[in-house]
Amino acid sequence: MPAAPRYTSISNADADALQELIGDARRGDVNGGRDAMARISEPSARRLGLWLLLDTNGPSMGFAEVDRSLRDMADWPRPARRRLAAERLIATSGLTPRQVIAWFGREAPATPEGSWPWPRPCAASATTGQRRT
């Protein structure tokens, strides 16, 4: 028989901060949401807050944070939203052309912002390949 799920309760202060974070996320206030998240001491509640910020405001966050969430929160709801947010941010990521190609892997860009940096890495990769032959 599977073990019963464990439930964790959070303090009133954490609940208040999480409620504030939810409001900030709905308003698109990423900085306010981050401030509220910093006041949450319970790790699961803080992680939920981060997911909510990423889910509602991913394109307003940094590429590294959104990209990391693709791995760290792969089994959380709506991973496609985080993928699209990362694509929208990839042009400002500082990745090299090879890193951009590797990041996309076998998936073609699904956003105009993801498509914009794509020709540059492909051209750089093709040029590099031509020099080697």
Protein backbone atom coordinates (compact mmCIF):
# COMPACT_ATOMS: atom_id res chain seq x y z
CA MET A 1 0.00 0.00 0.00
CA PRO A 2 1.44 3.43 -0.91
CA ALA A 3 2.40 5.75 1.89
CA ALA A 4 -0.06 8.44 2.81
CA PRO A 5 0.83 11.87 1.40
CA ARG A 6 2.53 14.27 3.79
CA TYR A 7 0.98 17.64 4.33
CA THR A 8 2.83 20.68 5.53
CA SER A 9 1.19 23.67 7.07
CA ILE A 10 2.66 27.12 6.75
CA SER A 11 2.79 29.96 9.23
CA ASN A 12 0.40 32.87 9.07
CA ALA A 13 3.30 35.11 8.01
CA ASP A 14 4.13 32.75 5.13
CA ALA A 15 0.45 32.55 4.13
CA ASP A 16 0.22 36.36 4.11
CA ALA A 17 3.40 36.68 2.02
CA LEU A 18 2.17 34.00 -0.40
CA GLN A 19 -1.16 35.80 -0.74
CA GLU A 20 0.71 39.03 -1.45
CA LEU A 21 2.88 37.24 -4.02
CA ILE A 22 -0.24 35.92 -5.76
CA GLY A 23 -1.60 39.46 -6.06
CA ASP A 24 1.74 40.77 -7.30
CA ALA A 25 1.96 38.01 -9.91
CA ARG A 26 -1.55 38.75 -11.16
CA ARG A 27 -0.66 42.44 -11.51
CA GLY A 28 2.61 41.63 -13.29
CA ASP A 29 4.69 43.04 -10.43
CA VAL A 30 7.69 40.68 -10.52
CA ASN A 31 9.76 42.77 -8.09
CA GLY A 32 6.91 42.89 -5.58
CA GLY A 33 6.48 39.14 -6.00
CA ARG A 34 10.18 38.57 -5.38
CA ASP A 35 10.01 40.73 -2.24
CA ALA A 36 7.05 38.72 -0.97
CA MET A 37 8.78 35.44 -1.85
CA ALA A 38 11.86 36.48 0.15
CA ARG A 39 9.65 36.65 3.26
CA ILE A 40 8.39 33.07 2.85
CA SER A 41 10.35 30.69 5.07
CA GLU A 42 8.67 27.39 4.14
CA PRO A 43 10.53 25.93 1.10
CA SER A 44 7.48 24.38 -0.58
CA ALA A 45 5.51 27.61 -0.33
CA ARG A 46 8.48 29.59 -1.69
CA ARG A 47 8.80 27.14 -4.59
CA LEU A 48 5.08 27.49 -5.31
CA GLY A 49 5.53 31.26 -5.35
CA LEU A 50 8.43 31.01 -7.78
CA TRP A 51 6.39 28.74 -10.07
CA LEU A 52 3.53 31.24 -10.00
CA LEU A 53 5.84 34.13 -10.93
CA LEU A 54 7.37 32.08 -13.75
CA ASP A 55 3.97 30.91 -15.00
CA THR A 56 2.41 34.36 -15.07
CA ASN A 57 5.40 36.60 -15.76
CA GLY A 58 8.14 34.40 -17.25
CA PRO A 59 9.10 36.81 -20.06
CA SER A 60 9.66 39.55 -17.44
CA MET A 61 12.19 37.44 -15.56
CA GLY A 62 15.78 36.57 -16.45
CA PHE A 63 16.71 33.91 -19.00
CA ALA A 64 18.88 31.94 -16.55
CA GLU A 65 16.06 31.68 -14.01
CA VAL A 66 13.47 30.66 -16.58
CA ASP A 67 15.89 28.19 -18.20
CA ARG A 68 16.73 26.64 -14.82
CA SER A 69 13.01 26.21 -14.11
CA LEU A 70 12.69 24.08 -17.25
CA ARG A 71 14.85 21.48 -15.51
CA ASP A 72 14.02 22.07 -11.85
CA MET A 73 10.26 22.25 -12.40
CA ALA A 74 9.93 19.91 -15.36
CA ASP A 75 7.09 18.02 -13.67
CA TRP A 76 5.21 21.16 -12.63
CA PRO A 77 2.13 22.32 -14.61
CA ARG A 78 2.42 24.19 -17.89
CA PRO A 79 6.09 23.65 -18.80
CA ALA A 80 5.35 24.93 -22.32
CA ARG A 81 4.76 28.42 -20.92
CA ARG A 82 8.21 28.43 -19.35
CA ARG A 83 9.74 27.14 -22.59
CA LEU A 84 8.10 29.96 -24.56
CA ALA A 85 9.26 32.50 -21.97
CA ALA A 86 12.83 31.21 -22.27
CA GLU A 87 12.65 31.52 -26.07
CA ARG A 88 11.48 35.11 -25.73
CA LEU A 89 14.51 35.83 -23.55
CA ILE A 90 17.19 33.84 -25.40
CA ALA A 91 18.39 36.77 -27.53
CA THR A 92 19.49 38.53 -24.33
CA SER A 93 20.86 35.39 -22.66
CA GLY A 94 24.50 35.88 -23.57
CA LEU A 95 24.67 32.35 -24.98
CA THR A 96 27.16 31.68 -27.75
CA PRO A 97 25.82 30.56 -31.15
CA ARG A 98 26.68 26.94 -30.34
CA GLN A 99 24.95 27.19 -26.99
CA VAL A 100 21.81 28.58 -28.66
CA ILE A 101 21.81 25.66 -31.11
CA ALA A 102 22.33 23.20 -28.25
CA TRP A 103 19.61 24.87 -26.18
CA PHE A 104 17.05 24.39 -28.94
CA GLY A 105 18.25 20.86 -29.58
CA ARG A 106 15.85 19.18 -31.96
CA GLU A 107 12.99 21.59 -31.29
CA ALA A 108 12.48 24.46 -33.69
CA PRO A 109 11.72 27.85 -32.14
CA ALA A 110 8.03 28.37 -31.43
CA THR A 111 8.14 32.15 -30.96
CA PRO A 112 9.26 35.04 -33.16
CA GLU A 113 11.74 36.03 -30.43
CA GLY A 114 13.16 32.50 -30.43
CA SER A 115 13.42 32.54 -34.21
CA TRP A 116 15.23 35.87 -34.34
CA PRO A 117 18.58 34.69 -32.90
CA TRP A 118 18.30 31.33 -34.65
CA PRO A 119 19.72 32.26 -38.11
CA ARG A 120 22.81 33.86 -36.56
CA PRO A 121 23.93 30.70 -34.67
CA CYS A 122 23.09 28.49 -37.63
CA ALA A 123 25.11 30.71 -39.96
CA ALA A 124 28.01 30.82 -37.50
CA SER A 125 27.89 27.05 -37.15
CA ALA A 126 27.81 26.57 -40.91
CA THR A 127 30.71 28.97 -41.38
CA THR A 128 32.73 27.18 -38.72
CA GLY A 129 31.94 23.86 -40.38
CA GLN A 130 33.07 25.17 -43.76
CA ARG A 131 36.40 26.30 -42.37
CA ARG A 132 37.13 22.85 -41.01
CA THR A 133 36.65 21.08 -44.33
